[in-house]
Amino acid sequence: MNIELITYADLESVEGSAGNFKVKIKKRARSIDMDRCTGCGSCVENCPVTHQGVQVPRA
């Protein structure tokens, strides 16, 4: 199987049939370098920008 998970993106179009799909995806701009991200959450803790109404769930 050739499946690639692409996060923070929008699906623009899908063409083809089973086994031969062509998909057009538009990636959104990110504020972080995904190649360096380890998922530790340190950037969230230290970010000076706050967005009221947007919360990060915590365990």
PDB file of N, CA and C in Angstrom:
ATOM      1  N   MET A   1       0.843  -1.186   0.000  1.00  0.00           N
ATOM      2  CA  MET A   1       0.000   0.000   0.000  1.00  0.00           C
ATOM      3  C   MET A   1       0.882   1.242   0.000  1.00  0.00           C
ATOM      4  N   ASN A   2       0.466   2.244  -0.708  1.00  0.00           N
ATOM      5  CA  ASN A   2       1.182   3.512  -0.764  1.00  0.00           C
ATOM      6  C   ASN A   2       0.311   4.588  -0.144  1.00  0.00           C
ATOM      7  N   ILE A   3       0.338   4.670   1.160  1.00  0.00           N
ATOM      8  CA  ILE A   3      -0.464   5.657   1.876  1.00  0.00           C
ATOM      9  C   ILE A   3       0.477   6.602   2.599  1.00  0.00           C
ATOM     10  N   GLU A   4       0.271   7.895   2.401  1.00  0.00           N
ATOM     11  CA  GLU A   4       1.062   8.916   3.083  1.00  0.00           C
ATOM     12  C   GLU A   4       0.100   9.803   3.858  1.00  0.00           C
ATOM     13  N   LEU A   5       0.328   9.960   5.146  1.00  0.00           N
ATOM     14  CA  LEU A   5      -0.490  10.818   5.987  1.00  0.00           C
ATOM     15  C   LEU A   5       0.039  12.242   5.892  1.00  0.00           C
ATOM     16  N   ILE A   6      -0.802  13.163   5.456  1.00  0.00           N
ATOM     17  CA  ILE A   6      -0.413  14.564   5.324  1.00  0.00           C
ATOM     18  C   ILE A   6      -1.316  15.378   6.240  1.00  0.00           C
ATOM     19  N   THR A   7      -0.735  15.956   7.287  1.00  0.00           N
ATOM     20  CA  THR A   7      -1.516  16.739   8.235  1.00  0.00           C
ATOM     21  C   THR A   7      -1.497  18.209   7.862  1.00  0.00           C
ATOM     22  N   TYR A   8      -2.472  18.946   8.391  1.00  0.00           N
ATOM     23  CA  TYR A   8      -2.598  20.386   8.178  1.00  0.00           C
ATOM     24  C   TYR A   8      -2.621  20.712   6.691  1.00  0.00           C
ATOM     25  N   ALA A   9      -3.518  20.017   5.969  1.00  0.00           N
ATOM     26  CA  ALA A   9      -3.641  20.194   4.526  1.00  0.00           C
ATOM     27  C   ALA A   9      -5.102  20.061   4.126  1.00  0.00           C
ATOM     28  N   ASP A  10      -5.424  20.570   2.946  1.00  0.00           N
ATOM     29  CA  ASP A  10      -6.784  20.510   2.422  1.00  0.00           C
ATOM     30  C   ASP A  10      -6.808  19.684   1.145  1.00  0.00           C
ATOM     31  N   LEU A  11      -7.808  18.822   1.038  1.00  0.00           N
ATOM     32  CA  LEU A  11      -8.005  18.024  -0.159  1.00  0.00           C
ATOM     33  C   LEU A  11      -8.675  18.895  -1.213  1.00  0.00           C
ATOM     34  N   GLU A  12      -8.054  19.039  -2.372  1.00  0.00           N
ATOM     35  CA  GLU A  12      -8.600  19.889  -3.429  1.00  0.00           C
ATOM     36  C   GLU A  12      -9.370  19.082  -4.462  1.00  0.00           C
ATOM     37  N   SER A  13      -8.874  17.897  -4.839  1.00  0.00           N
ATOM     38  CA  SER A  13      -9.594  17.075  -5.812  1.00  0.00           C
ATOM     39  C   SER A  13      -9.098  15.635  -5.768  1.00  0.00           C
ATOM     40  N   VAL A  14      -9.983  14.728  -6.230  1.00  0.00           N
ATOM     41  CA  VAL A  14      -9.649  13.311  -6.353  1.00  0.00           C
ATOM     42  C   VAL A  14     -10.124  12.856  -7.727  1.00  0.00           C
ATOM     43  N   GLU A  15      -9.251  12.187  -8.469  1.00  0.00           N
ATOM     44  CA  GLU A  15      -9.597  11.671  -9.791  1.00  0.00           C
ATOM     45  C   GLU A  15      -9.148  10.224  -9.882  1.00  0.00           C
ATOM     46  N   GLY A  16      -9.721   9.484 -10.814  1.00  0.00           N
ATOM     47  CA  GLY A  16      -9.300   8.117 -11.059  1.00  0.00           C
ATOM     48  C   GLY A  16     -10.263   7.106 -10.491  1.00  0.00           C
ATOM     49  N   SER A  17      -9.788   5.874 -10.399  1.00  0.00           N
ATOM     50  CA  SER A  17     -10.606   4.780  -9.891  1.00  0.00           C
ATOM     51  C   SER A  17      -9.760   3.929  -8.952  1.00  0.00           C
ATOM     52  N   ALA A  18     -10.398   2.934  -8.353  1.00  0.00           N
ATOM     53  CA  ALA A  18      -9.729   2.084  -7.367  1.00  0.00           C
ATOM     54  C   ALA A  18      -8.399   1.561  -7.905  1.00  0.00           C
ATOM     55  N   GLY A  19      -7.351   1.796  -7.153  1.00  0.00           N
ATOM     56  CA  GLY A  19      -6.017   1.357  -7.537  1.00  0.00           C
ATOM     57  C   GLY A  19      -5.238   2.364  -8.361  1.00  0.00           C
ATOM     58  N   ASN A  20      -5.903   3.438  -8.793  1.00  0.00           N
ATOM     59  CA  ASN A  20      -5.226   4.425  -9.637  1.00  0.00           C
ATOM     60  C   ASN A  20      -5.790   5.825  -9.377  1.00  0.00           C
ATOM     61  N   PHE A  21      -5.732   6.258  -8.133  1.00  0.00           N
ATOM     62  CA  PHE A  21      -6.239   7.585  -7.778  1.00  0.00           C
ATOM     63  C   PHE A  21      -5.159   8.638  -7.955  1.00  0.00           C
ATOM     64  N   LYS A  22      -5.571   9.820  -8.326  1.00  0.00           N
ATOM     65  CA  LYS A  22      -4.700  10.997  -8.349  1.00  0.00           C
ATOM     66  C   LYS A  22      -5.366  12.024  -7.451  1.00  0.00           C
ATOM     67  N   VAL A  23      -4.634  12.487  -6.458  1.00  0.00           N
ATOM     68  CA  VAL A  23      -5.187  13.383  -5.448  1.00  0.00           C
ATOM     69  C   VAL A  23      -4.414  14.689  -5.463  1.00  0.00           C
ATOM     70  N   LYS A  24      -5.135  15.800  -5.405  1.00  0.00           N
ATOM     71  CA  LYS A  24      -4.502  17.122  -5.343  1.00  0.00           C
ATOM     72  C   LYS A  24      -4.716  17.662  -3.930  1.00  0.00           C
ATOM     73  N   ILE A  25      -3.606  17.982  -3.251  1.00  0.00           N
ATOM     74  CA  ILE A  25      -3.639  18.439  -1.864  1.00  0.00           C
ATOM     75  C   ILE A  25      -2.929  19.776  -1.752  1.00  0.00           C
ATOM     76  N   LYS A  26      -3.518  20.683  -0.985  1.00  0.00           N
ATOM     77  CA  LYS A  26      -2.894  21.987  -0.734  1.00  0.00           C
ATOM     78  C   LYS A  26      -2.453  22.017   0.724  1.00  0.00           C
ATOM     79  N   LYS A  27      -1.134  22.086   0.940  1.00  0.00           N
ATOM     80  CA  LYS A  27      -0.602  22.146   2.299  1.00  0.00           C
ATOM     81  C   LYS A  27      -0.709  23.567   2.830  1.00  0.00           C
ATOM     82  N   ARG A  28      -1.116  23.693   4.083  1.00  0.00           N
ATOM     83  CA  ARG A  28      -1.204  25.006   4.729  1.00  0.00           C
ATOM     84  C   ARG A  28       0.157  25.386   5.314  1.00  0.00           C
ATOM     85  N   ALA A  29       0.376  26.685   5.457  1.00  0.00           N
ATOM     86  CA  ALA A  29       1.626  27.177   6.050  1.00  0.00           C
ATOM     87  C   ALA A  29       1.690  26.772   7.521  1.00  0.00           C
ATOM     88  N   ARG A  30       2.865  26.410   7.965  1.00  0.00           N
ATOM     89  CA  ARG A  30       3.082  26.033   9.363  1.00  0.00           C
ATOM     90  C   ARG A  30       3.988  27.050  10.037  1.00  0.00           C
ATOM     91  N   SER A  31       3.865  27.124  11.344  1.00  0.00           N
ATOM     92  CA  SER A  31       4.701  28.034  12.126  1.00  0.00           C
ATOM     93  C   SER A  31       5.926  27.338  12.686  1.00  0.00           C
ATOM     94  N   ILE A  32       6.017  26.033  12.460  1.00  0.00           N
ATOM     95  CA  ILE A  32       7.146  25.268  12.986  1.00  0.00           C
ATOM     96  C   ILE A  32       7.811  24.484  11.860  1.00  0.00           C
ATOM     97  N   ASP A  33       9.048  24.090  12.080  1.00  0.00           N
ATOM     98  CA  ASP A  33       9.787  23.281  11.120  1.00  0.00           C
ATOM     99  C   ASP A  33       9.495  21.810  11.424  1.00  0.00           C
ATOM    100  N   MET A  34       8.671  21.167  10.598  1.00  0.00           N
ATOM    101  CA  MET A  34       8.261  19.790  10.859  1.00  0.00           C
ATOM    102  C   MET A  34       9.429  18.805  10.821  1.00  0.00           C
ATOM    103  N   ASP A  35      10.503  19.143  10.122  1.00  0.00           N
ATOM    104  CA  ASP A  35      11.669  18.258  10.087  1.00  0.00           C
ATOM    105  C   ASP A  35      12.398  18.230  11.428  1.00  0.00           C
ATOM    106  N   ARG A  36      12.235  19.280  12.225  1.00  0.00           N
ATOM    107  CA  ARG A  36      12.909  19.357  13.527  1.00  0.00           C
ATOM    108  C   ARG A  36      11.979  19.034  14.690  1.00  0.00           C
ATOM    109  N   CYS A  37      10.671  18.960  14.442  1.00  0.00           N
ATOM    110  CA  CYS A  37       9.692  18.745  15.512  1.00  0.00           C
ATOM    111  C   CYS A  37       9.777  17.322  16.064  1.00  0.00           C
ATOM    112  N   THR A  38       9.823  17.216  17.401  1.00  0.00           N
ATOM    113  CA  THR A  38       9.832  15.913  18.060  1.00  0.00           C
ATOM    114  C   THR A  38       8.504  15.623  18.742  1.00  0.00           C
ATOM    115  N   GLY A  39       7.588  16.598  18.716  1.00  0.00           N
ATOM    116  CA  GLY A  39       6.283  16.416  19.339  1.00  0.00           C
ATOM    117  C   GLY A  39       6.300  16.575  20.847  1.00  0.00           C
ATOM    118  N   CYS A  40       7.323  17.210  21.399  1.00  0.00           N
ATOM    119  CA  CYS A  40       7.470  17.327  22.850  1.00  0.00           C
ATOM    120  C   CYS A  40       6.523  18.363  23.463  1.00  0.00           C
ATOM    121  N   GLY A  41       6.044  19.329  22.666  1.00  0.00           N
ATOM    122  CA  GLY A  41       5.136  20.352  23.181  1.00  0.00           C
ATOM    123  C   GLY A  41       5.825  21.563  23.768  1.00  0.00           C
ATOM    124  N   SER A  42       7.144  21.594  23.748  1.00  0.00           N
ATOM    125  CA  SER A  42       7.896  22.713  24.310  1.00  0.00           C
ATOM    126  C   SER A  42       7.537  24.031  23.629  1.00  0.00           C
ATOM    127  N   CYS A  43       7.306  24.003  22.323  1.00  0.00           N
ATOM    128  CA  CYS A  43       6.964  25.232  21.601  1.00  0.00           C
ATOM    129  C   CYS A  43       5.611  25.776  22.066  1.00  0.00           C
ATOM    130  N   VAL A  44       4.675  24.896  22.388  1.00  0.00           N
ATOM    131  CA  VAL A  44       3.360  25.326  22.870  1.00  0.00           C
ATOM    132  C   VAL A  44       3.501  25.991  24.231  1.00  0.00           C
ATOM    133  N   GLU A  45       4.310  25.404  25.096  1.00  0.00           N
ATOM    134  CA  GLU A  45       4.516  25.941  26.441  1.00  0.00           C
ATOM    135  C   GLU A  45       5.200  27.302  26.418  1.00  0.00           C
ATOM    136  N   ASN A  46       6.101  27.529  25.476  1.00  0.00           N
ATOM    137  CA  ASN A  46       6.903  28.750  25.446  1.00  0.00           C
ATOM    138  C   ASN A  46       6.448  29.794  24.436  1.00  0.00           C
ATOM    139  N   CYS A  47       5.392  29.520  23.703  1.00  0.00           N
ATOM    140  CA  CYS A  47       4.929  30.446  22.665  1.00  0.00           C
ATOM    141  C   CYS A  47       4.333  31.705  23.301  1.00  0.00           C
ATOM    142  N   PRO A  48       4.782  32.895  22.875  1.00  0.00           N
ATOM    143  CA  PRO A  48       4.264  34.138  23.442  1.00  0.00           C
ATOM    144  C   PRO A  48       2.885  34.512  22.892  1.00  0.00           C
ATOM    145  N   VAL A  49       2.442  33.855  21.840  1.00  0.00           N
ATOM    146  CA  VAL A  49       1.152  34.174  21.226  1.00  0.00           C
ATOM    147  C   VAL A  49       0.061  33.342  21.878  1.00  0.00           C
ATOM    148  N   THR A  50      -1.031  33.993  22.246  1.00  0.00           N
ATOM    149  CA  THR A  50      -2.161  33.270  22.821  1.00  0.00           C
ATOM    150  C   THR A  50      -3.382  33.483  21.944  1.00  0.00           C
ATOM    151  N   HIS A  51      -4.204  32.477  21.857  1.00  0.00           N
ATOM    152  CA  HIS A  51      -5.441  32.539  21.087  1.00  0.00           C
ATOM    153  C   HIS A  51      -6.580  32.178  22.029  1.00  0.00           C
ATOM    154  N   GLN A  52      -7.348  33.147  22.407  1.00  0.00           N
ATOM    155  CA  GLN A  52      -8.458  32.876  23.301  1.00  0.00           C
ATOM    156  C   GLN A  52      -9.470  32.007  22.577  1.00  0.00           C
ATOM    157  N   GLY A  53      -9.969  31.014  23.261  1.00  0.00           N
ATOM    158  CA  GLY A  53     -10.934  30.102  22.676  1.00  0.00           C
ATOM    159  C   GLY A  53     -10.298  28.855  22.087  1.00  0.00           C
ATOM    160  N   VAL A  54      -9.001  28.868  21.882  1.00  0.00           N
ATOM    161  CA  VAL A  54      -8.299  27.693  21.379  1.00  0.00           C
ATOM    162  C   VAL A  54      -7.496  27.131  22.538  1.00  0.00           C
ATOM    163  N   GLN A  55      -7.797  25.883  22.887  1.00  0.00           N
ATOM    164  CA  GLN A  55      -7.111  25.269  24.020  1.00  0.00           C
ATOM    165  C   GLN A  55      -6.455  23.976  23.579  1.00  0.00           C
ATOM    166  N   VAL A  56      -5.326  23.692  24.167  1.00  0.00           N
ATOM    167  CA  VAL A  56      -4.636  22.432  23.928  1.00  0.00           C
ATOM    168  C   VAL A  56      -5.052  21.483  25.039  1.00  0.00           C
ATOM    169  N   PRO A  57      -5.662  20.329  24.693  1.00  0.00           N
ATOM    170  CA  PRO A  57      -6.068  19.378  25.726  1.00  0.00           C
ATOM    171  C   PRO A  57      -4.860  18.863  26.503  1.00  0.00           C
ATOM    172  N   ARG A  58      -5.025  18.718  27.768  1.00  0.00           N
ATOM    173  CA  ARG A  58      -3.939  18.215  28.614  1.00  0.00           C
ATOM    174  C   ARG A  58      -4.445  17.007  29.393  1.00  0.00           C
ATOM    175  N   ALA A  59      -3.555  16.063  29.619  1.00  0.00           N
ATOM    176  CA  ALA A  59      -3.922  14.851  30.363  1.00  0.00           C
ATOM    177  C   ALA A  59      -3.923  15.141  31.847  1.00  0.00           C
TER     178      ALA A  59
END
